[in-house]
């Protein structure tokens, strides 16, 4: 009520024309800055992409060089392996012949040992054979020791 009585509401407010010009120029500047930012972003993306392609190319070259070097190393190792394969084959052949000689010697010893055992077995006297349980009785009566049946002396 006091404001109404004061009469300020009856006054007409006016906006300066320069204020509208400032707002228009700010709007245009904002649009222009957005366009420039988009252009800068495009340029930056293209620079980044070029750097990416350059790095990829360098990596491809490095990988190719590594593959070539690996192939060279493999070829050198194969050459060395061929030399070593010949030596390895000679060693393997020597081992085979040595093993055959050892087996032959063992068989010879075994055959000789069996003959010696047979001779020893045949030469044992009867008491040793009885003790070892190798005695074969010649007749049925001799199968048991006669001392067991000596009734006069008692068991």
C-alpha atoms as a PDB file:
ATOM      1  CA  UNK A   1       0.000   0.000   0.000  1.00  0.00           C
ATOM      2  CA  UNK A   2       2.816   2.294   0.819  1.00  0.00           C
ATOM      3  CA  UNK A   3       4.385   1.667  -2.617  1.00  0.00           C
ATOM      4  CA  UNK A   4       1.074   2.346  -4.309  1.00  0.00           C
ATOM      5  CA  UNK A   5       0.698   5.527  -2.346  1.00  0.00           C
ATOM      6  CA  UNK A   6       4.230   6.495  -3.257  1.00  0.00           C
ATOM      7  CA  UNK A   7       3.381   6.348  -6.934  1.00  0.00           C
ATOM      8  CA  UNK A   8       6.399   4.423  -8.104  1.00  0.00           C
ATOM      9  CA  UNK A   9       4.262   1.831  -9.791  1.00  0.00           C
ATOM     10  CA  UNK A  10       2.984   4.523 -12.111  1.00  0.00           C
ATOM     11  CA  UNK A  11       6.446   5.199 -13.438  1.00  0.00           C
ATOM     12  CA  UNK A  12       7.302   3.579 -16.721  1.00  0.00           C
ATOM     13  CA  UNK A  13      10.562   1.557 -16.762  1.00  0.00           C
ATOM     14  CA  UNK A  14      12.575   1.694 -19.941  1.00  0.00           C
ATOM     15  CA  UNK A  15      15.517  -0.461 -21.109  1.00  0.00           C
ATOM     16  CA  UNK A  16      18.373   1.148 -22.868  1.00  0.00           C
ATOM     17  CA  UNK A  17      18.838   0.138 -26.538  1.00  0.00           C
ATOM     18  CA  UNK A  18      22.538  -0.458 -25.979  1.00  0.00           C
ATOM     19  CA  UNK A  19      21.640  -3.246 -23.567  1.00  0.00           C
ATOM     20  CA  UNK A  20      19.938  -5.182 -26.382  1.00  0.00           C
ATOM     21  CA  UNK A  21      22.966  -4.640 -28.612  1.00  0.00           C
ATOM     22  CA  UNK A  22      25.237  -6.058 -25.904  1.00  0.00           C
ATOM     23  CA  UNK A  23      23.073  -9.148 -25.526  1.00  0.00           C
ATOM     24  CA  UNK A  24      23.074  -9.744 -29.304  1.00  0.00           C
ATOM     25  CA  UNK A  25      26.834  -9.329 -29.530  1.00  0.00           C
ATOM     26  CA  UNK A  26      27.325 -11.766 -26.597  1.00  0.00           C
ATOM     27  CA  UNK A  27      25.105 -14.339 -28.315  1.00  0.00           C
ATOM     28  CA  UNK A  28      27.064 -14.009 -31.580  1.00  0.00           C
ATOM     29  CA  UNK A  29      30.385 -14.287 -29.705  1.00  0.00           C
ATOM     30  CA  UNK A  30      29.173 -17.423 -27.931  1.00  0.00           C
ATOM     31  CA  UNK A  31      28.201 -19.063 -31.252  1.00  0.00           C
ATOM     32  CA  UNK A  32      31.526 -18.054 -32.790  1.00  0.00           C
ATOM     33  CA  UNK A  33      33.486 -19.506 -29.836  1.00  0.00           C
ATOM     34  CA  UNK A  34      31.574 -22.812 -30.114  1.00  0.00           C
ATOM     35  CA  UNK A  35      32.452 -23.037 -33.814  1.00  0.00           C
ATOM     36  CA  UNK A  36      36.100 -22.290 -33.083  1.00  0.00           C
ATOM     37  CA  UNK A  37      36.191 -24.901 -30.292  1.00  0.00           C
ATOM     38  CA  UNK A  38      34.747 -27.518 -32.652  1.00  0.00           C
ATOM     39  CA  UNK A  39      37.364 -26.659 -35.270  1.00  0.00           C
ATOM     40  CA  UNK A  40      40.164 -26.884 -32.707  1.00  0.00           C
ATOM     41  CA  UNK A  41      38.847 -30.266 -31.533  1.00  0.00           C
ATOM     42  CA  UNK A  42      38.772 -31.520 -35.144  1.00  0.00           C
ATOM     43  CA  UNK A  43      42.319 -30.336 -35.716  1.00  0.00           C
ATOM     44  CA  UNK A  44      43.473 -31.925 -32.452  1.00  0.00           C
ATOM     45  CA  UNK A  45      41.786 -35.235 -33.365  1.00  0.00           C
ATOM     46  CA  UNK A  46      43.450 -35.227 -36.776  1.00  0.00           C
ATOM     47  CA  UNK A  47      46.860 -34.505 -35.183  1.00  0.00           C
ATOM     48  CA  UNK A  48      46.296 -37.266 -32.629  1.00  0.00           C
ATOM     49  CA  UNK A  49      45.243 -39.690 -35.369  1.00  0.00           C
ATOM     50  CA  UNK A  50      48.355 -38.855 -37.411  1.00  0.00           C
ATOM     51  CA  UNK A  51      50.520 -39.495 -34.347  1.00  0.00           C
ATOM     52  CA  UNK A  52      48.673 -42.766 -33.752  1.00  0.00           C
ATOM     53  CA  UNK A  53      49.293 -43.870 -37.338  1.00  0.00           C
ATOM     54  CA  UNK A  54      52.947 -42.889 -37.055  1.00  0.00           C
ATOM     55  CA  UNK A  55      53.363 -44.941 -33.856  1.00  0.00           C
ATOM     56  CA  UNK A  56      51.578 -47.891 -35.448  1.00  0.00           C
ATOM     57  CA  UNK A  57      53.925 -47.739 -38.432  1.00  0.00           C
ATOM     58  CA  UNK A  58      56.947 -47.618 -36.116  1.00  0.00           C
ATOM     59  CA  UNK A  59      55.616 -50.605 -34.181  1.00  0.00           C
ATOM     60  CA  UNK A  60      55.050 -52.533 -37.424  1.00  0.00           C
ATOM     61  CA  UNK A  61      58.612 -51.813 -38.513  1.00  0.00           C
ATOM     62  CA  UNK A  62      59.960 -52.881 -35.113  1.00  0.00           C
ATOM     63  CA  UNK A  63      57.885 -56.077 -35.207  1.00  0.00           C
ATOM     64  CA  UNK A  64      59.110 -56.836 -38.730  1.00  0.00           C
ATOM     65  CA  UNK A  65      62.726 -56.294 -37.692  1.00  0.00           C
ATOM     66  CA  UNK A  66      62.204 -58.509 -34.632  1.00  0.00           C
ATOM     67  CA  UNK A  67      60.717 -61.269 -36.805  1.00  0.00           C
ATOM     68  CA  UNK A  68      63.624 -61.052 -39.240  1.00  0.00           C
ATOM     69  CA  UNK A  69      66.125 -61.157 -36.393  1.00  0.00           C
ATOM     70  CA  UNK A  70      64.296 -64.126 -34.874  1.00  0.00           C
ATOM     71  CA  UNK A  71      64.419 -65.937 -38.220  1.00  0.00           C
ATOM     72  CA  UNK A  72      68.163 -65.293 -38.472  1.00  0.00           C
ATOM     73  CA  UNK A  73      68.680 -66.635 -34.965  1.00  0.00           C
ATOM     74  CA  UNK A  74      66.572 -69.702 -35.746  1.00  0.00           C
ATOM     75  CA  UNK A  75      68.558 -70.346 -38.925  1.00  0.00           C
ATOM     76  CA  UNK A  76      71.821 -70.050 -37.015  1.00  0.00           C
ATOM     77  CA  UNK A  77      70.531 -72.407 -34.336  1.00  0.00           C
ATOM     78  CA  UNK A  78      69.375 -74.861 -36.991  1.00  0.00           C
ATOM     79  CA  UNK A  79      72.834 -74.783 -38.537  1.00  0.00           C
ATOM     80  CA  UNK A  80      74.360 -75.376 -35.108  1.00  0.00           C
ATOM     81  CA  UNK A  81      71.745 -78.041 -34.381  1.00  0.00           C
ATOM     82  CA  UNK A  82      72.642 -79.862 -37.587  1.00  0.00           C
ATOM     83  CA  UNK A  83      76.269 -79.942 -36.451  1.00  0.00           C
ATOM     84  CA  UNK A  84      75.181 -80.993 -32.974  1.00  0.00           C
ATOM     85  CA  UNK A  85      72.752 -83.551 -34.417  1.00  0.00           C
ATOM     86  CA  UNK A  86      75.625 -85.299 -36.157  1.00  0.00           C
ATOM     87  CA  UNK A  87      77.630 -85.338 -32.941  1.00  0.00           C
ATOM     88  CA  UNK A  88      74.591 -86.443 -30.951  1.00  0.00           C
ATOM     89  CA  UNK A  89      73.971 -89.273 -33.399  1.00  0.00           C
ATOM     90  CA  UNK A  90      77.577 -90.429 -33.020  1.00  0.00           C
ATOM     91  CA  UNK A  91      77.257 -90.353 -29.229  1.00  0.00           C
ATOM     92  CA  UNK A  92      73.980 -92.253 -29.392  1.00  0.00           C
ATOM     93  CA  UNK A  93      75.544 -94.878 -31.663  1.00  0.00           C
ATOM     94  CA  UNK A  94      78.505 -95.221 -29.287  1.00  0.00           C
ATOM     95  CA  UNK A  95      76.117 -95.644 -26.320  1.00  0.00           C
ATOM     96  CA  UNK A  96      74.166 -98.312 -28.192  1.00  0.00           C
ATOM     97  CA  UNK A  97      77.297-100.310 -29.035  1.00  0.00           C
ATOM     98  CA  UNK A  98      78.624 -99.926 -25.483  1.00  0.00           C
ATOM     99  CA  UNK A  99      75.304-101.119 -24.043  1.00  0.00           C
ATOM    100  CA  UNK A 100      75.377-104.152 -26.342  1.00  0.00           C
ATOM    101  CA  UNK A 101      78.919-104.979 -25.188  1.00  0.00           C
ATOM    102  CA  UNK A 102      77.874-104.697 -21.532  1.00  0.00           C
ATOM    103  CA  UNK A 103      74.859-106.941 -22.071  1.00  0.00           C
ATOM    104  CA  UNK A 104      77.022-109.487 -23.886  1.00  0.00           C
ATOM    105  CA  UNK A 105      79.563-109.474 -21.063  1.00  0.00           C
ATOM    106  CA  UNK A 106      76.792-109.954 -18.513  1.00  0.00           C
ATOM    107  CA  UNK A 107      75.365-112.884 -20.462  1.00  0.00           C
ATOM    108  CA  UNK A 108      78.790-114.453 -20.710  1.00  0.00           C
ATOM    109  CA  UNK A 109      79.347-114.037 -16.976  1.00  0.00           C
ATOM    110  CA  UNK A 110      75.914-115.457 -16.261  1.00  0.00           C
ATOM    111  CA  UNK A 111      76.513-118.521 -18.446  1.00  0.00           C
ATOM    112  CA  UNK A 112      79.937-119.039 -16.897  1.00  0.00           C
ATOM    113  CA  UNK A 113      78.498-118.513 -13.413  1.00  0.00           C
ATOM    114  CA  UNK A 114      75.718-121.026 -13.994  1.00  0.00           C
ATOM    115  CA  UNK A 115      78.263-123.616 -15.088  1.00  0.00           C
ATOM    116  CA  UNK A 116      80.291-122.959 -11.973  1.00  0.00           C
ATOM    117  CA  UNK A 117      77.156-123.250  -9.834  1.00  0.00           C
ATOM    118  CA  UNK A 118      76.246-126.546 -11.485  1.00  0.00           C
ATOM    119  CA  UNK A 119      79.734-127.904 -10.927  1.00  0.00           C
ATOM    120  CA  UNK A 120      79.661-126.793  -7.281  1.00  0.00           C
ATOM    121  CA  UNK A 121      76.225-128.342  -6.844  1.00  0.00           C
ATOM    122  CA  UNK A 122      77.371-131.656  -8.261  1.00  0.00           C
ATOM    123  CA  UNK A 123      80.526-131.710  -6.114  1.00  0.00           C
ATOM    124  CA  UNK A 124      78.751-131.142  -2.780  1.00  0.00           C
ATOM    125  CA  UNK A 125      78.836-134.074  -0.480  1.00  0.00           C
ATOM    126  CA  UNK A 126      75.654-135.693   0.646  1.00  0.00           C
ATOM    127  CA  UNK A 127      75.642-134.100   4.131  1.00  0.00           C
ATOM    128  CA  UNK A 128      75.489-130.599   2.609  1.00  0.00           C
ATOM    129  CA  UNK A 129      72.708-131.688   0.284  1.00  0.00           C
ATOM    130  CA  UNK A 130      70.742-133.108   3.197  1.00  0.00           C
ATOM    131  CA  UNK A 131      71.251-129.923   5.201  1.00  0.00           C
ATOM    132  CA  UNK A 132      70.058-127.804   2.276  1.00  0.00           C
ATOM    133  CA  UNK A 133      67.142-130.101   1.542  1.00  0.00           C
ATOM    134  CA  UNK A 134      68.466-130.985  -1.897  1.00  0.00           C
ATOM    135  CA  UNK A 135      69.161-134.674  -1.313  1.00  0.00           C
ATOM    136  CA  UNK A 136      67.104-137.050  -3.403  1.00  0.00           C
ATOM    137  CA  UNK A 137      66.651-140.487  -1.842  1.00  0.00           C
ATOM    138  CA  UNK A 138      67.534-143.417  -4.058  1.00  0.00           C
ATOM    139  CA  UNK A 139      65.029-145.805  -2.517  1.00  0.00           C
ATOM    140  CA  UNK A 140      61.912-145.441  -0.404  1.00  0.00           C
ATOM    141  CA  UNK A 141      63.505-146.822   2.757  1.00  0.00           C
ATOM    142  CA  UNK A 142      66.199-144.183   2.795  1.00  0.00           C
ATOM    143  CA  UNK A 143      63.652-141.419   2.722  1.00  0.00           C
ATOM    144  CA  UNK A 144      63.683-141.026   6.520  1.00  0.00           C
ATOM    145  CA  UNK A 145      66.635-140.946   8.826  1.00  0.00           C
ATOM    146  CA  UNK A 146      66.983-144.426  10.411  1.00  0.00           C
ATOM    147  CA  UNK A 147      67.964-142.980  13.741  1.00  0.00           C
ATOM    148  CA  UNK A 148      64.397-141.810  14.211  1.00  0.00           C
ATOM    149  CA  UNK A 149      63.211-145.398  14.225  1.00  0.00           C
ATOM    150  CA  UNK A 150      65.762-146.750  16.657  1.00  0.00           C
ATOM    151  CA  UNK A 151      63.376-148.123  19.239  1.00  0.00           C
ATOM    152  CA  UNK A 152      66.020-149.564  21.520  1.00  0.00           C
ATOM    153  CA  UNK A 153      67.591-146.225  22.331  1.00  0.00           C
ATOM    154  CA  UNK A 154      64.264-144.477  22.707  1.00  0.00           C
ATOM    155  CA  UNK A 155      63.175-141.263  21.154  1.00  0.00           C
END
